[in-house]
Amino acid sequence: MIPRHRFVTAAVAAIVLFAAPSLAAKEQVFYGVVTHVSVNNIKARSSNGQELSFLIVPRFNKLFKSDGKTTVQMKDVRAGEYVRIDFDQSALGARHADRILVDTHPLRPVNS
């Protein structure tokens, strides 16, 4: 019979080893027009018709005008505005915004 502490240690080690690659989240960028805004969610539609929803964590403070310097309040974001949303899916696979840039004119993708 295997002692309980060795089983727990082996289980934790297996979780860490197999979950490590999925925890390294790759940040992605989405350009589109806002279709819905709420306290904890923003939804936007891209020019090719793809519509994605993004979670917004409490105390989210990385919301700027397209210049990247002027801050914007979430309550001021309206449907029809153009956005660039930097996001990842590291938290339980849910898309969540890391940074949002807002403008009344289309934002152009940055070539990198």
Protein backbone atom coordinates (compact mmCIF):
# COMPACT_ATOMS: atom_id res chain seq x y z
CA MET A 1 0.00 0.00 0.00
CA ILE A 2 1.34 3.45 -0.97
CA PRO A 3 1.43 6.03 1.83
CA ARG A 4 -1.10 8.81 1.30
CA HIS A 5 1.45 11.68 1.28
CA ARG A 6 3.39 10.06 -1.58
CA PHE A 7 0.20 9.68 -3.61
CA VAL A 8 -0.70 13.35 -3.07
CA THR A 9 2.82 14.46 -3.98
CA ALA A 10 2.76 12.37 -7.16
CA ALA A 11 -0.68 13.75 -8.10
CA VAL A 12 0.43 17.35 -7.61
CA ALA A 13 3.61 16.76 -9.62
CA ALA A 14 1.59 15.25 -12.49
CA ILE A 15 -0.78 18.21 -12.53
CA VAL A 16 2.08 20.70 -12.62
CA LEU A 17 3.93 18.86 -15.39
CA PHE A 18 0.91 18.38 -17.63
CA ALA A 19 -0.69 21.77 -16.96
CA ALA A 20 2.48 23.85 -17.40
CA PRO A 21 2.30 24.17 -21.21
CA SER A 22 -1.33 25.29 -21.04
CA LEU A 23 -0.57 27.91 -18.39
CA ALA A 24 1.85 29.71 -20.72
CA ALA A 25 -0.82 31.86 -22.36
CA LYS A 26 -0.16 33.41 -25.71
CA GLU A 27 -1.52 36.92 -25.92
CA GLN A 28 -3.66 37.58 -28.97
CA VAL A 29 -5.13 40.72 -30.52
CA PHE A 30 -8.69 41.29 -31.78
CA TYR A 31 -9.84 44.32 -33.80
CA GLY A 32 -13.53 45.13 -34.11
CA VAL A 33 -16.57 47.25 -33.36
CA VAL A 34 -18.19 47.09 -29.92
CA THR A 35 -21.61 45.43 -30.03
CA HIS A 36 -22.20 45.02 -26.27
CA VAL A 37 -20.67 46.39 -23.07
CA SER A 38 -21.46 45.50 -19.47
CA VAL A 39 -19.65 45.70 -16.14
CA ASN A 40 -17.80 42.42 -16.63
CA ASN A 41 -18.05 41.75 -20.37
CA ILE A 42 -17.35 43.37 -23.73
CA LYS A 43 -18.37 41.94 -27.10
CA ALA A 44 -17.03 43.08 -30.46
CA ARG A 45 -17.46 42.12 -34.12
CA SER A 46 -14.51 42.09 -36.53
CA SER A 47 -14.64 43.26 -40.15
CA ASN A 48 -14.96 39.64 -41.32
CA GLY A 49 -18.06 39.09 -39.14
CA GLN A 50 -16.46 37.17 -36.29
CA GLU A 51 -18.00 38.22 -32.95
CA LEU A 52 -16.13 37.48 -29.73
CA SER A 53 -16.93 38.14 -26.11
CA PHE A 54 -14.27 38.98 -23.52
CA LEU A 55 -14.44 38.89 -19.74
CA ILE A 56 -13.34 41.97 -17.87
CA VAL A 57 -11.92 41.31 -14.43
CA PRO A 58 -12.84 43.51 -11.47
CA ARG A 59 -10.71 46.64 -11.18
CA PHE A 60 -9.74 46.43 -14.84
CA ASN A 61 -7.64 49.55 -15.48
CA LYS A 62 -6.02 49.09 -18.88
CA LEU A 63 -8.57 50.91 -21.01
CA PHE A 64 -7.14 53.69 -23.19
CA LYS A 65 -7.82 55.85 -26.21
CA SER A 66 -6.00 54.68 -29.34
CA ASP A 67 -2.97 56.83 -28.44
CA GLY A 68 -2.30 54.39 -25.59
CA LYS A 69 -1.90 57.19 -23.04
CA THR A 70 -5.31 58.74 -22.39
CA THR A 71 -7.36 56.60 -20.00
CA VAL A 72 -11.04 55.85 -20.58
CA GLN A 73 -13.70 54.77 -18.10
CA MET A 74 -15.60 51.56 -18.87
CA LYS A 75 -18.90 53.44 -18.51
CA ASP A 76 -17.87 55.67 -21.44
CA VAL A 77 -17.38 52.81 -23.92
CA ARG A 78 -20.38 52.56 -26.27
CA ALA A 79 -21.59 50.19 -28.94
CA GLY A 80 -20.32 51.26 -32.36
CA GLU A 81 -16.86 52.33 -31.18
CA TYR A 82 -13.79 50.67 -32.64
CA VAL A 83 -11.57 48.67 -30.31
CA ARG A 84 -8.34 46.74 -30.20
CA ILE A 85 -8.49 44.09 -27.49
CA ASP A 86 -5.31 42.38 -26.30
CA PHE A 87 -6.43 39.14 -24.65
CA ASP A 88 -5.48 35.63 -23.61
CA GLN A 89 -7.28 32.50 -22.47
CA SER A 90 -5.16 31.39 -19.53
CA ALA A 91 -7.88 31.57 -16.84
CA LEU A 92 -9.89 28.35 -17.24
CA GLY A 93 -9.92 28.78 -21.00
CA ALA A 94 -12.10 31.91 -20.91
CA ARG A 95 -11.10 34.87 -23.10
CA HIS A 96 -10.32 37.87 -20.92
CA ALA A 97 -9.14 41.31 -21.92
CA ASP A 98 -5.66 42.34 -20.84
CA ARG A 99 -5.79 45.77 -22.51
CA ILE A 100 -8.36 47.63 -24.58
CA LEU A 101 -7.77 50.57 -26.94
CA VAL A 102 -10.87 52.55 -27.96
CA ASP A 103 -11.45 55.04 -30.81
CA THR A 104 -14.25 56.40 -32.95
CA HIS A 105 -12.25 55.58 -36.09
CA PRO A 106 -11.07 52.13 -37.23
CA LEU A 107 -7.86 50.96 -35.57
CA ARG A 108 -5.28 49.53 -37.94
CA PRO A 109 -3.48 46.26 -37.13
CA VAL A 110 0.17 46.75 -36.28
CA ASN A 111 2.57 44.68 -38.38
CA SER A 112 5.08 42.89 -36.20
